[in-house]
Amino acid sequence: MTETETKIVAFVCLHGSAKSLIAAEYLNGVATARGFEWRATTSGPEPDAAIPANVVEGLHRHGIDVSAKIPERVSAPALAGADHIVSFACDLEDLVGPDRKIERWDDCPAVSDDFEIAWTSITGRVAWLLERLRAEG
């Protein structure tokens, strides 16, 4: 796979450190394992200084190490480079313009309430999204 063949899904949640991080890490793991051309990014309009301990621990239980990651601020250039954008309750129209499609996953459960319930919801949606994107070509 060359770099030009890789397509990007930008996941965005408020702090860039929980929902969007789970989604991006899961998509990247599945895509790598199955040889899919998609990769994901994670960011937020109000990034946390660090990933919350419950997220680090929860992802670790699922074999994902995010201990060295730092949440990033969402930016217009990063979203412009994305082939698909998924927002967890963030209004991004000012960054992408009115004509850009943004998929909204506003109803996902809070990671702070119960990591495993959020994990199941988010990863199920990511699996569905990845299959849909692959089918669309």
Protein backbone atom coordinates (compact mmCIF):
# COMPACT_ATOMS: atom_id res chain seq x y z
CA MET A 1 0.00 0.00 0.00
CA THR A 2 1.41 3.38 -0.93
CA GLU A 3 0.70 6.57 0.91
CA THR A 4 -1.47 7.87 -1.94
CA GLU A 5 -3.82 4.90 -1.56
CA THR A 6 -4.46 5.51 2.14
CA LYS A 7 -7.75 7.18 2.98
CA ILE A 8 -8.33 9.06 6.22
CA VAL A 9 -11.27 9.08 8.62
CA ALA A 10 -11.10 12.03 11.03
CA PHE A 11 -12.86 11.31 14.32
CA VAL A 12 -13.59 14.38 16.45
CA CYS A 13 -14.89 14.58 20.03
CA LEU A 14 -14.84 17.51 22.43
CA HIS A 15 -11.54 16.68 24.15
CA GLY A 16 -10.00 14.37 21.53
CA SER A 17 -9.19 11.92 24.28
CA ALA A 18 -12.02 9.43 24.67
CA LYS A 19 -14.72 8.72 22.06
CA SER A 20 -12.70 9.83 19.04
CA LEU A 21 -9.59 8.14 20.40
CA ILE A 22 -11.38 4.82 20.90
CA ALA A 23 -12.84 5.06 17.40
CA ALA A 24 -9.51 5.94 15.76
CA GLU A 25 -7.47 3.32 17.59
CA TYR A 26 -10.03 0.61 16.86
CA LEU A 27 -10.31 1.54 13.18
CA ASN A 28 -6.52 1.64 12.80
CA GLY A 29 -6.13 -1.76 14.44
CA VAL A 30 -8.82 -3.41 12.32
CA ALA A 31 -7.58 -1.76 9.11
CA THR A 32 -4.00 -2.82 9.75
CA ALA A 33 -4.97 -6.39 10.66
CA ARG A 34 -7.18 -6.80 7.57
CA GLY A 35 -5.05 -4.85 5.09
CA PHE A 36 -7.67 -2.14 4.57
CA GLU A 37 -6.55 1.16 3.04
CA TRP A 38 -8.25 3.32 5.70
CA ARG A 39 -6.55 5.00 8.67
CA ALA A 40 -8.00 7.29 11.34
CA THR A 41 -7.09 10.43 13.25
CA THR A 42 -8.44 11.77 16.51
CA SER A 43 -8.78 15.37 17.68
CA GLY A 44 -11.03 17.81 19.49
CA PRO A 45 -11.84 21.51 19.72
CA GLU A 46 -10.94 21.55 23.43
CA PRO A 47 -8.18 18.91 23.73
CA ASP A 48 -7.32 17.54 27.15
CA ALA A 49 -3.73 17.96 28.33
CA ALA A 50 -3.54 14.16 28.65
CA ILE A 51 -5.68 11.12 27.99
CA PRO A 52 -7.79 10.31 31.06
CA ALA A 53 -6.60 7.35 33.14
CA ASN A 54 -9.86 5.42 32.66
CA VAL A 55 -9.42 5.64 28.87
CA VAL A 56 -5.77 4.56 28.99
CA GLU A 57 -6.69 1.65 31.27
CA GLY A 58 -9.78 0.66 29.27
CA LEU A 59 -7.91 0.64 25.96
CA HIS A 60 -5.06 -1.29 27.57
CA ARG A 61 -7.56 -4.01 28.55
CA HIS A 62 -8.35 -4.29 24.83
CA GLY A 63 -4.69 -4.53 23.85
CA ILE A 64 -4.25 -0.90 22.79
CA ASP A 65 -1.47 1.24 24.28
CA VAL A 66 -2.15 4.98 24.17
CA SER A 67 0.04 5.93 27.14
CA ALA A 68 2.37 8.04 24.96
CA LYS A 69 -0.36 9.85 23.00
CA ILE A 70 -1.28 13.49 23.53
CA PRO A 71 -4.73 14.79 22.46
CA GLU A 72 -4.61 17.16 19.49
CA ARG A 73 -6.67 20.23 18.60
CA VAL A 74 -8.91 19.80 15.55
CA SER A 75 -7.87 22.00 12.65
CA ALA A 76 -9.27 23.02 9.29
CA PRO A 77 -6.20 21.69 7.38
CA ALA A 78 -6.44 18.29 9.08
CA LEU A 79 -10.14 17.99 8.28
CA ALA A 80 -9.53 19.15 4.70
CA GLY A 81 -7.16 16.20 4.29
CA ALA A 82 -9.72 13.71 5.57
CA ASP A 83 -11.77 11.58 3.22
CA HIS A 84 -14.52 11.11 5.83
CA ILE A 85 -15.33 13.01 9.04
CA VAL A 86 -17.18 11.63 12.07
CA SER A 87 -18.16 14.00 14.86
CA PHE A 88 -19.17 13.03 18.37
CA ALA A 89 -21.39 16.06 19.15
CA CYS A 90 -18.97 18.71 17.84
CA ASP A 91 -20.04 21.41 15.43
CA LEU A 92 -17.34 21.51 12.76
CA GLU A 93 -19.01 23.49 9.99
CA ASP A 94 -16.85 26.56 10.69
CA LEU A 95 -13.76 24.43 10.01
CA VAL A 96 -14.97 22.57 6.92
CA GLY A 97 -17.58 24.80 5.32
CA PRO A 98 -21.28 24.21 4.69
CA ASP A 99 -20.86 21.81 1.78
CA ARG A 100 -18.71 19.20 3.52
CA LYS A 101 -20.56 16.14 4.84
CA ILE A 102 -19.98 15.35 8.51
CA GLU A 103 -21.32 12.11 9.93
CA ARG A 104 -22.71 12.69 13.43
CA TRP A 105 -22.51 10.10 16.21
CA ASP A 106 -23.94 12.34 18.91
CA ASP A 107 -25.79 9.59 20.77
CA CYS A 108 -22.78 7.48 21.83
CA PRO A 109 -22.66 6.76 25.56
CA ALA A 110 -20.22 8.70 27.74
CA VAL A 111 -16.88 6.98 28.27
CA SER A 112 -16.68 8.48 31.76
CA ASP A 113 -19.92 6.72 32.76
CA ASP A 114 -18.92 3.21 31.69
CA PHE A 115 -15.91 2.50 29.48
CA GLU A 116 -17.09 -0.94 28.32
CA ILE A 117 -20.54 0.24 27.27
CA ALA A 118 -18.96 3.12 25.34
CA TRP A 119 -16.35 0.76 23.84
CA THR A 120 -19.04 -1.64 22.59
CA SER A 121 -21.11 1.17 21.09
CA ILE A 122 -18.20 2.96 19.42
CA THR A 123 -16.37 -0.10 18.09
CA GLY A 124 -19.62 -1.53 16.71
CA ARG A 125 -20.22 1.69 14.80
CA VAL A 126 -16.62 1.80 13.59
CA ALA A 127 -16.87 -1.77 12.26
CA TRP A 128 -20.07 -0.85 10.42
CA LEU A 129 -18.49 2.38 9.09
CA LEU A 130 -15.38 0.60 7.86
CA GLU A 131 -17.40 -1.99 5.97
CA ARG A 132 -19.61 0.74 4.48
CA LEU A 133 -16.59 2.80 3.37
CA ARG A 134 -14.94 -0.25 1.83
CA ALA A 135 -18.15 -1.11 -0.04
CA GLU A 136 -18.42 2.45 -1.36
CA GLY A 137 -14.86 2.15 -2.70
